[in-house]
Amino acid sequence: MDTKKCTKCELVKPLGDFYKGRAQCKDCMKQAAAERYAALPAEEKARTPEQLEAHRVAMRDARRKAREKSPEEFRAERAAKQRAWREKRKAEELAAKIEALRAKREGL
C-alpha cells in the first residue's frame, strides 16, 4: 500500500504526503494550523518566546503541584475533562454529518 486517503480532503495521496501516524495529509494539517493561528487574538500572537516559555513553566508547575497534592482527585478531574471533550466533539461531528446529509439531499 503506497497510497492513503486523507480523512479531511478525501484525496488519495502517496504516503509521503502524510505525517507518520496521522490520517490527514500534510497540506490539510498545515491549513488547519494556519486557521487556528489566524483565529488567535492579537495579544496572543504578540507574545514573545520568553513569555511563552514562562507560561509553559508556570502551567507545568501548577499541574505538578495539583497532581502531587491529590493524585486520585487529579486523575478523576482529568478523566472527567477528557470525557466531556470527547462527548462534545462527538456531538459536533454528528451535527456536521447531519448537515452534510441535509445539504446533499437538498442538492439532489
PDB file of N, CA and C in Angstrom:
ATOM      1  N   MET A   1       0.848  -1.174   0.000  1.00  0.00           N
ATOM      2  CA  MET A   1       0.000   0.000   0.000  1.00  0.00           C
ATOM      3  C   MET A   1       0.895   1.239   0.000  1.00  0.00           C
ATOM      4  N   ASP A   2       0.935   1.913  -1.114  1.00  0.00           N
ATOM      5  CA  ASP A   2       1.783   3.089  -1.250  1.00  0.00           C
ATOM      6  C   ASP A   2       0.992   4.382  -1.218  1.00  0.00           C
ATOM      7  N   THR A   3      -0.320   4.263  -1.054  1.00  0.00           N
ATOM      8  CA  THR A   3      -1.167   5.452  -1.016  1.00  0.00           C
ATOM      9  C   THR A   3      -2.091   5.387   0.192  1.00  0.00           C
ATOM     10  N   LYS A   4      -2.688   6.517   0.483  1.00  0.00           N
ATOM     11  CA  LYS A   4      -3.588   6.631   1.631  1.00  0.00           C
ATOM     12  C   LYS A   4      -4.601   7.720   1.323  1.00  0.00           C
ATOM     13  N   LYS A   5      -5.816   7.577   1.877  1.00  0.00           N
ATOM     14  CA  LYS A   5      -6.867   8.565   1.657  1.00  0.00           C
ATOM     15  C   LYS A   5      -6.921   9.515   2.853  1.00  0.00           C
ATOM     16  N   CYS A   6      -6.850  10.796   2.588  1.00  0.00           N
ATOM     17  CA  CYS A   6      -6.932  11.819   3.630  1.00  0.00           C
ATOM     18  C   CYS A   6      -8.360  11.870   4.169  1.00  0.00           C
ATOM     19  N   THR A   7      -8.490  11.934   5.488  1.00  0.00           N
ATOM     20  CA  THR A   7      -9.824  11.971   6.087  1.00  0.00           C
ATOM     21  C   THR A   7     -10.489  13.337   5.978  1.00  0.00           C
ATOM     22  N   LYS A   8      -9.724  14.364   5.635  1.00  0.00           N
ATOM     23  CA  LYS A   8     -10.305  15.695   5.532  1.00  0.00           C
ATOM     24  C   LYS A   8     -10.652  16.048   4.088  1.00  0.00           C
ATOM     25  N   CYS A   9      -9.649  16.024   3.210  1.00  0.00           N
ATOM     26  CA  CYS A   9      -9.911  16.395   1.811  1.00  0.00           C
ATOM     27  C   CYS A   9     -10.372  15.200   0.984  1.00  0.00           C
ATOM     28  N   GLU A  10     -10.243  14.002   1.547  1.00  0.00           N
ATOM     29  CA  GLU A  10     -10.682  12.748   0.932  1.00  0.00           C
ATOM     30  C   GLU A  10      -9.997  12.450  -0.402  1.00  0.00           C
ATOM     31  N   LEU A  11      -8.776  12.971  -0.591  1.00  0.00           N
ATOM     32  CA  LEU A  11      -7.995  12.658  -1.781  1.00  0.00           C
ATOM     33  C   LEU A  11      -7.047  11.509  -1.460  1.00  0.00           C
ATOM     34  N   VAL A  12      -6.803  10.662  -2.422  1.00  0.00           N
ATOM     35  CA  VAL A  12      -5.840   9.581  -2.261  1.00  0.00           C
ATOM     36  C   VAL A  12      -4.474  10.141  -2.640  1.00  0.00           C
ATOM     37  N   LYS A  13      -3.525  10.045  -1.704  1.00  0.00           N
ATOM     38  CA  LYS A  13      -2.199  10.641  -1.894  1.00  0.00           C
ATOM     39  C   LYS A  13      -1.127   9.631  -1.514  1.00  0.00           C
ATOM     40  N   PRO A  14       0.112   9.845  -1.982  1.00  0.00           N
ATOM     41  CA  PRO A  14       1.215   8.967  -1.576  1.00  0.00           C
ATOM     42  C   PRO A  14       1.473   9.076  -0.078  1.00  0.00           C
ATOM     43  N   LEU A  15       2.026   8.018   0.513  1.00  0.00           N
ATOM     44  CA  LEU A  15       2.285   8.019   1.954  1.00  0.00           C
ATOM     45  C   LEU A  15       3.225   9.144   2.378  1.00  0.00           C
ATOM     46  N   GLY A  16       4.080   9.595   1.481  1.00  0.00           N
ATOM     47  CA  GLY A  16       4.991  10.686   1.792  1.00  0.00           C
ATOM     48  C   GLY A  16       4.282  12.005   2.047  1.00  0.00           C
ATOM     49  N   ASP A  17       3.013  12.111   1.661  1.00  0.00           N
ATOM     50  CA  ASP A  17       2.236  13.325   1.883  1.00  0.00           C
ATOM     51  C   ASP A  17       1.520  13.320   3.237  1.00  0.00           C
ATOM     52  N   PHE A  18       1.827  12.329   4.076  1.00  0.00           N
ATOM     53  CA  PHE A  18       1.215  12.210   5.392  1.00  0.00           C
ATOM     54  C   PHE A  18       2.305  12.177   6.453  1.00  0.00           C
ATOM     55  N   TYR A  19       2.030  12.798   7.614  1.00  0.00           N
ATOM     56  CA  TYR A  19       2.919  12.637   8.751  1.00  0.00           C
ATOM     57  C   TYR A  19       2.677  11.242   9.303  1.00  0.00           C
ATOM     58  N   LYS A  20       3.692  10.637   9.883  1.00  0.00           N
ATOM     59  CA  LYS A  20       3.582   9.284  10.408  1.00  0.00           C
ATOM     60  C   LYS A  20       2.488   9.200  11.474  1.00  0.00           C
ATOM     61  N   GLY A  21       1.590   8.252  11.312  1.00  0.00           N
ATOM     62  CA  GLY A  21       0.533   8.032  12.292  1.00  0.00           C
ATOM     63  C   GLY A  21      -0.627   9.008  12.207  1.00  0.00           C
ATOM     64  N   ARG A  22      -0.700   9.803  11.153  1.00  0.00           N
ATOM     65  CA  ARG A  22      -1.780  10.791  11.005  1.00  0.00           C
ATOM     66  C   ARG A  22      -2.703  10.405   9.870  1.00  0.00           C
ATOM     67  N   ALA A  23      -3.982  10.716  10.014  1.00  0.00           N
ATOM     68  CA  ALA A  23      -4.972  10.373   8.994  1.00  0.00           C
ATOM     69  C   ALA A  23      -5.184  11.505   7.996  1.00  0.00           C
ATOM     70  N   GLN A  24      -4.783  12.721   8.372  1.00  0.00           N
ATOM     71  CA  GLN A  24      -4.919  13.856   7.460  1.00  0.00           C
ATOM     72  C   GLN A  24      -3.588  14.101   6.764  1.00  0.00           C
ATOM     73  N   CYS A  25      -3.656  14.547   5.523  1.00  0.00           N
ATOM     74  CA  CYS A  25      -2.432  14.817   4.767  1.00  0.00           C
ATOM     75  C   CYS A  25      -1.738  16.071   5.315  1.00  0.00           C
ATOM     76  N   LYS A  26      -0.493  16.243   4.936  1.00  0.00           N
ATOM     77  CA  LYS A  26       0.295  17.376   5.420  1.00  0.00           C
ATOM     78  C   LYS A  26      -0.341  18.703   5.025  1.00  0.00           C
ATOM     79  N   ASP A  27      -0.869  18.782   3.799  1.00  0.00           N
ATOM     80  CA  ASP A  27      -1.486  20.026   3.347  1.00  0.00           C
ATOM     81  C   ASP A  27      -2.677  20.404   4.228  1.00  0.00           C
ATOM     82  N   CYS A  28      -3.530  19.421   4.534  1.00  0.00           N
ATOM     83  CA  CYS A  28      -4.709  19.698   5.371  1.00  0.00           C
ATOM     84  C   CYS A  28      -4.298  20.067   6.788  1.00  0.00           C
ATOM     85  N   MET A  29      -3.283  19.399   7.315  1.00  0.00           N
ATOM     86  CA  MET A  29      -2.833  19.709   8.670  1.00  0.00           C
ATOM     87  C   MET A  29      -2.216  21.104   8.740  1.00  0.00           C
ATOM     88  N   LYS A  30      -1.456  21.481   7.714  1.00  0.00           N
ATOM     89  CA  LYS A  30      -0.864  22.821   7.684  1.00  0.00           C
ATOM     90  C   LYS A  30      -1.949  23.889   7.567  1.00  0.00           C
ATOM     91  N   GLN A  31      -2.967  23.603   6.760  1.00  0.00           N
ATOM     92  CA  GLN A  31      -4.071  24.548   6.607  1.00  0.00           C
ATOM     93  C   GLN A  31      -4.811  24.719   7.931  1.00  0.00           C
ATOM     94  N   ALA A  32      -5.058  23.617   8.642  1.00  0.00           N
ATOM     95  CA  ALA A  32      -5.748  23.685   9.931  1.00  0.00           C
ATOM     96  C   ALA A  32      -4.918  24.480  10.945  1.00  0.00           C
ATOM     97  N   ALA A  33      -3.598  24.281  10.942  1.00  0.00           N
ATOM     98  CA  ALA A  33      -2.731  25.024  11.865  1.00  0.00           C
ATOM     99  C   ALA A  33      -2.766  26.515  11.545  1.00  0.00           C
ATOM    100  N   ALA A  34      -2.760  26.855  10.261  1.00  0.00           N
ATOM    101  CA  ALA A  34      -2.817  28.265   9.866  1.00  0.00           C
ATOM    102  C   ALA A  34      -4.146  28.887  10.290  1.00  0.00           C
ATOM    103  N   GLU A  35      -5.242  28.136  10.168  1.00  0.00           N
ATOM    104  CA  GLU A  35      -6.553  28.642  10.572  1.00  0.00           C
ATOM    105  C   GLU A  35      -6.618  28.850  12.085  1.00  0.00           C
ATOM    106  N   ARG A  36      -6.033  27.893  12.847  1.00  0.00           N
ATOM    107  CA  ARG A  36      -6.012  28.047  14.305  1.00  0.00           C
ATOM    108  C   ARG A  36      -5.205  29.284  14.695  1.00  0.00           C
ATOM    109  N   TYR A  37      -4.070  29.488  14.038  1.00  0.00           N
ATOM    110  CA  TYR A  37      -3.234  30.652  14.352  1.00  0.00           C
ATOM    111  C   TYR A  37      -3.968  31.948  13.996  1.00  0.00           C
ATOM    112  N   ALA A  38      -4.639  31.967  12.842  1.00  0.00           N
ATOM    113  CA  ALA A  38      -5.357  33.173  12.422  1.00  0.00           C
ATOM    114  C   ALA A  38      -6.484  33.514  13.396  1.00  0.00           C
ATOM    115  N   ALA A  39      -7.038  32.492  14.055  1.00  0.00           N
ATOM    116  CA  ALA A  39      -8.146  32.715  14.985  1.00  0.00           C
ATOM    117  C   ALA A  39      -7.676  33.222  16.352  1.00  0.00           C
ATOM    118  N   LEU A  40      -6.377  33.196  16.600  1.00  0.00           N
ATOM    119  CA  LEU A  40      -5.859  33.653  17.887  1.00  0.00           C
ATOM    120  C   LEU A  40      -6.031  35.161  18.036  1.00  0.00           C
ATOM    121  N   PRO A  41      -6.303  35.627  19.252  1.00  0.00           N
ATOM    122  CA  PRO A  41      -6.357  37.068  19.487  1.00  0.00           C
ATOM    123  C   PRO A  41      -4.983  37.700  19.260  1.00  0.00           C
ATOM    124  N   ALA A  42      -4.961  38.971  18.929  1.00  0.00           N
ATOM    125  CA  ALA A  42      -3.717  39.675  18.615  1.00  0.00           C
ATOM    126  C   ALA A  42      -2.734  39.646  19.779  1.00  0.00           C
ATOM    127  N   GLU A  43      -3.237  39.742  21.022  1.00  0.00           N
ATOM    128  CA  GLU A  43      -2.319  39.752  22.160  1.00  0.00           C
ATOM    129  C   GLU A  43      -1.595  38.410  22.321  1.00  0.00           C
ATOM    130  N   GLU A  44      -2.232  37.316  21.910  1.00  0.00           N
ATOM    131  CA  GLU A  44      -1.542  36.026  21.980  1.00  0.00           C
ATOM    132  C   GLU A  44      -0.487  35.920  20.898  1.00  0.00           C
ATOM    133  N   LYS A  45      -0.769  36.462  19.727  1.00  0.00           N
ATOM    134  CA  LYS A  45       0.207  36.427  18.639  1.00  0.00           C
ATOM    135  C   LYS A  45       1.419  37.282  18.964  1.00  0.00           C
ATOM    136  N   ALA A  46       1.229  38.308  19.786  1.00  0.00           N
ATOM    137  CA  ALA A  46       2.300  39.241  20.100  1.00  0.00           C
ATOM    138  C   ALA A  46       3.208  38.753  21.231  1.00  0.00           C
ATOM    139  N   ARG A  47       2.894  37.627  21.841  1.00  0.00           N
ATOM    140  CA  ARG A  47       3.726  37.120  22.939  1.00  0.00           C
ATOM    141  C   ARG A  47       5.114  36.753  22.433  1.00  0.00           C
ATOM    142  N   THR A  48       6.091  37.056  23.262  1.00  0.00           N
ATOM    143  CA  THR A  48       7.473  36.731  22.910  1.00  0.00           C
ATOM    144  C   THR A  48       7.768  35.283  23.307  1.00  0.00           C
ATOM    145  N   PRO A  49       8.798  34.689  22.736  1.00  0.00           N
ATOM    146  CA  PRO A  49       9.165  33.322  23.128  1.00  0.00           C
ATOM    147  C   PRO A  49       9.445  33.193  24.623  1.00  0.00           C
ATOM    148  N   GLU A  50      10.006  34.225  25.224  1.00  0.00           N
ATOM    149  CA  GLU A  50      10.284  34.185  26.656  1.00  0.00           C
ATOM    150  C   GLU A  50       8.987  34.138  27.460  1.00  0.00           C
ATOM    151  N   GLN A  51       7.986  34.924  27.029  1.00  0.00           N
ATOM    152  CA  GLN A  51       6.696  34.915  27.719  1.00  0.00           C
ATOM    153  C   GLN A  51       6.026  33.544  27.581  1.00  0.00           C
ATOM    154  N   LEU A  52       6.106  32.972  26.391  1.00  0.00           N
ATOM    155  CA  LEU A  52       5.509  31.655  26.172  1.00  0.00           C
ATOM    156  C   LEU A  52       6.185  30.597  27.040  1.00  0.00           C
ATOM    157  N   GLU A  53       7.496  30.633  27.113  1.00  0.00           N
ATOM    158  CA  GLU A  53       8.219  29.661  27.931  1.00  0.00           C
ATOM    159  C   GLU A  53       7.879  29.835  29.406  1.00  0.00           C
ATOM    160  N   ALA A  54       7.783  31.073  29.877  1.00  0.00           N
ATOM    161  CA  ALA A  54       7.422  31.329  31.272  1.00  0.00           C
ATOM    162  C   ALA A  54       6.022  30.787  31.568  1.00  0.00           C
ATOM    163  N   HIS A  55       5.109  30.947  30.619  1.00  0.00           N
ATOM    164  CA  HIS A  55       3.741  30.428  30.793  1.00  0.00           C
ATOM    165  C   HIS A  55       3.761  28.900  30.846  1.00  0.00           C
ATOM    166  N   ARG A  56       4.532  28.271  29.949  1.00  0.00           N
ATOM    167  CA  ARG A  56       4.628  26.802  29.943  1.00  0.00           C
ATOM    168  C   ARG A  56       5.157  26.275  31.276  1.00  0.00           C
ATOM    169  N   VAL A  57       6.194  26.925  31.777  1.00  0.00           N
ATOM    170  CA  VAL A  57       6.793  26.501  33.043  1.00  0.00           C
ATOM    171  C   VAL A  57       5.793  26.674  34.188  1.00  0.00           C
ATOM    172  N   ALA A  58       5.093  27.791  34.213  1.00  0.00           N
ATOM    173  CA  ALA A  58       4.113  28.036  35.278  1.00  0.00           C
ATOM    174  C   ALA A  58       2.988  27.001  35.229  1.00  0.00           C
ATOM    175  N   MET A  59       2.498  26.691  34.045  1.00  0.00           N
ATOM    176  CA  MET A  59       1.421  25.701  33.919  1.00  0.00           C
ATOM    177  C   MET A  59       1.913  24.302  34.306  1.00  0.00           C
ATOM    178  N   ARG A  60       3.118  23.965  33.891  1.00  0.00           N
ATOM    179  CA  ARG A  60       3.676  22.657  34.236  1.00  0.00           C
ATOM    180  C   ARG A  60       3.817  22.526  35.750  1.00  0.00           C
ATOM    181  N   ASP A  61       4.314  23.576  36.402  1.00  0.00           N
ATOM    182  CA  ASP A  61       4.467  23.551  37.852  1.00  0.00           C
ATOM    183  C   ASP A  61       3.114  23.454  38.558  1.00  0.00           C
ATOM    184  N   ALA A  62       2.122  24.168  38.048  1.00  0.00           N
ATOM    185  CA  ALA A  62       0.788  24.121  38.656  1.00  0.00           C
ATOM    186  C   ALA A  62       0.199  22.721  38.529  1.00  0.00           C
ATOM    187  N   ARG A  63       0.370  22.088  37.357  1.00  0.00           N
ATOM    188  CA  ARG A  63      -0.135  20.717  37.182  1.00  0.00           C
ATOM    189  C   ARG A  63       0.586  19.743  38.113  1.00  0.00           C
ATOM    190  N   ARG A  64       1.896  19.913  38.229  1.00  0.00           N
ATOM    191  CA  ARG A  64       2.682  19.027  39.089  1.00  0.00           C
ATOM    192  C   ARG A  64       2.220  19.159  40.539  1.00  0.00           C
ATOM    193  N   LYS A  65       2.010  20.395  41.001  1.00  0.00           N
ATOM    194  CA  LYS A  65       1.566  20.599  42.385  1.00  0.00           C
ATOM    195  C   LYS A  65       0.187  19.984  42.619  1.00  0.00           C
ATOM    196  N   ALA A  66      -0.709  20.163  41.662  1.00  0.00           N
ATOM    197  CA  ALA A  66      -2.053  19.597  41.800  1.00  0.00           C
ATOM    198  C   ALA A  66      -1.987  18.079  41.828  1.00  0.00           C
ATOM    199  N   ARG A  67      -1.148  17.501  40.987  1.00  0.00           N
ATOM    200  CA  ARG A  67      -1.021  16.050  40.917  1.00  0.00           C
ATOM    201  C   ARG A  67      -0.423  15.502  42.207  1.00  0.00           C
ATOM    202  N   GLU A  68       0.565  16.202  42.759  1.00  0.00           N
ATOM    203  CA  GLU A  68       1.214  15.747  43.992  1.00  0.00           C
ATOM    204  C   GLU A  68       0.305  15.906  45.200  1.00  0.00           C
ATOM    205  N   LYS A  69      -0.528  16.937  45.184  1.00  0.00           N
ATOM    206  CA  LYS A  69      -1.415  17.217  46.313  1.00  0.00           C
ATOM    207  C   LYS A  69      -2.434  16.103  46.498  1.00  0.00           C
ATOM    208  N   SER A  70      -3.066  15.688  45.406  1.00  0.00           N
ATOM    209  CA  SER A  70      -4.093  14.654  45.479  1.00  0.00           C
ATOM    210  C   SER A  70      -4.137  13.899  44.145  1.00  0.00           C
ATOM    211  N   PRO A  71      -3.303  12.868  43.995  1.00  0.00           N
ATOM    212  CA  PRO A  71      -3.232  12.156  42.714  1.00  0.00           C
ATOM    213  C   PRO A  71      -4.572  11.582  42.240  1.00  0.00           C
ATOM    214  N   GLU A  72      -5.345  11.015  43.153  1.00  0.00           N
ATOM    215  CA  GLU A  72      -6.618  10.411  42.763  1.00  0.00           C
ATOM    216  C   GLU A  72      -7.604  11.460  42.251  1.00  0.00           C
ATOM    217  N   GLU A  73      -7.678  12.567  42.967  1.00  0.00           N
ATOM    218  CA  GLU A  73      -8.580  13.642  42.558  1.00  0.00           C
ATOM    219  C   GLU A  73      -8.134  14.245  41.227  1.00  0.00           C
ATOM    220  N   PHE A  74      -6.823  14.391  41.050  1.00  0.00           N
ATOM    221  CA  PHE A  74      -6.281  14.919  39.799  1.00  0.00           C
ATOM    222  C   PHE A  74      -6.660  14.016  38.633  1.00  0.00           C
ATOM    223  N   ARG A  75      -6.490  12.707  38.797  1.00  0.00           N
ATOM    224  CA  ARG A  75      -6.831  11.762  37.727  1.00  0.00           C
ATOM    225  C   ARG A  75      -8.326  11.784  37.425  1.00  0.00           C
ATOM    226  N   ALA A  76      -9.145  11.877  38.471  1.00  0.00           N
ATOM    227  CA  ALA A  76     -10.593  11.894  38.280  1.00  0.00           C
ATOM    228  C   ALA A  76     -11.026  13.155  37.519  1.00  0.00           C
ATOM    229  N   GLU A  77     -10.469  14.305  37.889  1.00  0.00           N
ATOM    230  CA  GLU A  77     -10.806  15.553  37.197  1.00  0.00           C
ATOM    231  C   GLU A  77     -10.349  15.500  35.738  1.00  0.00           C
ATOM    232  N   ARG A  78      -9.156  14.983  35.528  1.00  0.00           N
ATOM    233  CA  ARG A  78      -8.620  14.892  34.171  1.00  0.00           C
ATOM    234  C   ARG A  78      -9.483  13.961  33.311  1.00  0.00           C
ATOM    235  N   ALA A  79      -9.881  12.834  33.870  1.00  0.00           N
ATOM    236  CA  ALA A  79     -10.729  11.888  33.139  1.00  0.00           C
ATOM    237  C   ALA A  79     -12.080  12.528  32.807  1.00  0.00           C
ATOM    238  N   ALA A  80     -12.638  13.275  33.745  1.00  0.00           N
ATOM    239  CA  ALA A  80     -13.925  13.935  33.507  1.00  0.00           C
ATOM    240  C   ALA A  80     -13.806  14.972  32.398  1.00  0.00           C
ATOM    241  N   LYS A  81     -12.709  15.744  32.397  1.00  0.00           N
ATOM    242  CA  LYS A  81     -12.494  16.745  31.351  1.00  0.00           C
ATOM    243  C   LYS A  81     -12.340  16.077  29.991  1.00  0.00           C
ATOM    244  N   GLN A  82     -11.583  14.982  29.938  1.00  0.00           N
ATOM    245  CA  GLN A  82     -11.394  14.272  28.675  1.00  0.00           C
ATOM    246  C   GLN A  82     -12.707  13.692  28.164  1.00  0.00           C
ATOM    247  N   ARG A  83     -13.504  13.131  29.067  1.00  0.00           N
ATOM    248  CA  ARG A  83     -14.798  12.561  28.692  1.00  0.00           C
ATOM    249  C   ARG A  83     -15.723  13.649  28.135  1.00  0.00           C
ATOM    250  N   ALA A  84     -15.754  14.807  28.799  1.00  0.00           N
ATOM    251  CA  ALA A  84     -16.598  15.909  28.337  1.00  0.00           C
ATOM    252  C   ALA A  84     -16.135  16.400  26.970  1.00  0.00           C
ATOM    253  N   TRP A  85     -14.809  16.487  26.776  1.00  0.00           N
ATOM    254  CA  TRP A  85     -14.281  16.930  25.487  1.00  0.00           C
ATOM    255  C   TRP A  85     -14.663  15.950  24.387  1.00  0.00           C
ATOM    256  N   ARG A  86     -14.514  14.640  24.656  1.00  0.00           N
ATOM    257  CA  ARG A  86     -14.868  13.632  23.644  1.00  0.00           C
ATOM    258  C   ARG A  86     -16.351  13.682  23.299  1.00  0.00           C
ATOM    259  N   GLU A  87     -17.207  13.831  24.310  1.00  0.00           N
ATOM    260  CA  GLU A  87     -18.648  13.888  24.067  1.00  0.00           C
ATOM    261  C   GLU A  87     -19.015  15.121  23.246  1.00  0.00           C
ATOM    262  N   LYS A  88     -18.401  16.257  23.559  1.00  0.00           N
ATOM    263  CA  LYS A  88     -18.669  17.485  22.809  1.00  0.00           C
ATOM    264  C   LYS A  88     -18.225  17.329  21.357  1.00  0.00           C
ATOM    265  N   ARG A  89     -17.043  16.772  21.173  1.00  0.00           N
ATOM    266  CA  ARG A  89     -16.528  16.585  19.815  1.00  0.00           C
ATOM    267  C   ARG A  89     -17.396  15.607  19.036  1.00  0.00           C
ATOM    268  N   LYS A  90     -17.843  14.557  19.695  1.00  0.00           N
ATOM    269  CA  LYS A  90     -18.710  13.569  19.048  1.00  0.00           C
ATOM    270  C   LYS A  90     -20.012  14.228  18.595  1.00  0.00           C
ATOM    271  N   ALA A  91     -20.574  15.076  19.445  1.00  0.00           N
ATOM    272  CA  ALA A  91     -21.817  15.777  19.103  1.00  0.00           C
ATOM    273  C   ALA A  91     -21.597  16.728  17.930  1.00  0.00           C
ATOM    274  N   GLU A  92     -20.456  17.424  17.926  1.00  0.00           N
ATOM    275  CA  GLU A  92     -20.153  18.342  16.825  1.00  0.00           C
ATOM    276  C   GLU A  92     -19.968  17.592  15.510  1.00  0.00           C
ATOM    277  N   GLU A  93     -19.288  16.441  15.566  1.00  0.00           N
ATOM    278  CA  GLU A  93     -19.085  15.645  14.353  1.00  0.00           C
ATOM    279  C   GLU A  93     -20.412  15.122  13.826  1.00  0.00           C
ATOM    280  N   LEU A  94     -21.292  14.679  14.734  1.00  0.00           N
ATOM    281  CA  LEU A  94     -22.602  14.185  14.320  1.00  0.00           C
ATOM    282  C   LEU A  94     -23.416  15.304  13.675  1.00  0.00           C
ATOM    283  N   ALA A  95     -23.379  16.491  14.264  1.00  0.00           N
ATOM    284  CA  ALA A  95     -24.110  17.626  13.698  1.00  0.00           C
ATOM    285  C   ALA A  95     -23.581  17.970  12.313  1.00  0.00           C
ATOM    286  N   ALA A  96     -22.265  17.901  12.136  1.00  0.00           N
ATOM    287  CA  ALA A  96     -21.674  18.192  10.827  1.00  0.00           C
ATOM    288  C   ALA A  96     -22.098  17.152   9.800  1.00  0.00           C
ATOM    289  N   LYS A  97     -22.138  15.889  10.200  1.00  0.00           N
ATOM    290  CA  LYS A  97     -22.566  14.824   9.278  1.00  0.00           C
ATOM    291  C   LYS A  97     -24.024  15.014   8.879  1.00  0.00           C
ATOM    292  N   ILE A  98     -24.850  15.343   9.854  1.00  0.00           N
ATOM    293  CA  ILE A  98     -26.280  15.552   9.570  1.00  0.00           C
ATOM    294  C   ILE A  98     -26.453  16.726   8.618  1.00  0.00           C
ATOM    295  N   GLU A  99     -25.718  17.801   8.858  1.00  0.00           N
ATOM    296  CA  GLU A  99     -25.799  18.973   7.990  1.00  0.00           C
ATOM    297  C   GLU A  99     -25.342  18.636   6.576  1.00  0.00           C
ATOM    298  N   ALA A 100     -24.289  17.839   6.457  1.00  0.00           N
ATOM    299  CA  ALA A 100     -23.794  17.433   5.139  1.00  0.00           C
ATOM    300  C   ALA A 100     -24.832  16.583   4.413  1.00  0.00           C
ATOM    301  N   LEU A 101     -25.485  15.689   5.144  1.00  0.00           N
ATOM    302  CA  LEU A 101     -26.537  14.866   4.525  1.00  0.00           C
ATOM    303  C   LEU A 101     -27.718  15.706   4.077  1.00  0.00           C
ATOM    304  N   ARG A 102     -28.094  16.690   4.896  1.00  0.00           N
ATOM    305  CA  ARG A 102     -29.204  17.576   4.511  1.00  0.00           C
ATOM    306  C   ARG A 102     -28.852  18.385   3.258  1.00  0.00           C
ATOM    307  N   ALA A 103     -27.634  18.888   3.231  1.00  0.00           N
ATOM    308  CA  ALA A 103     -27.195  19.664   2.073  1.00  0.00           C
ATOM    309  C   ALA A 103     -27.167  18.793   0.830  1.00  0.00           C
ATOM    310  N   LYS A 104     -26.724  17.567   0.984  1.00  0.00           N
ATOM    311  CA  LYS A 104     -26.675  16.642  -0.155  1.00  0.00           C
ATOM    312  C   LYS A 104     -28.079  16.326  -0.648  1.00  0.00           C
ATOM    313  N   ARG A 105     -29.000  16.104   0.308  1.00  0.00           N
ATOM    314  CA  ARG A 105     -30.380  15.795  -0.060  1.00  0.00           C
ATOM    315  C   ARG A 105     -31.042  16.975  -0.778  1.00  0.00           C
ATOM    316  N   GLU A 106     -30.791  18.193  -0.276  1.00  0.00           N
ATOM    317  CA  GLU A 106     -31.379  19.386  -0.898  1.00  0.00           C
ATOM    318  C   GLU A 106     -30.795  19.660  -2.252  1.00  0.00           C
ATOM    319  N   GLY A 107     -29.539  19.251  -2.461  1.00  0.00           N
ATOM    320  CA  GLY A 107     -28.878  19.483  -3.746  1.00  0.00           C
ATOM    321  C   GLY A 107     -29.355  18.549  -4.825  1.00  0.00           C
ATOM    322  N   LEU A 108     -29.991  17.464  -4.452  1.00  0.00           N
ATOM    323  CA  LEU A 108     -30.469  16.497  -5.453  1.00  0.00           C
ATOM    324  C   LEU A 108     -31.744  16.888  -6.107  1.00  0.00           C
TER     325      LEU A 108
END
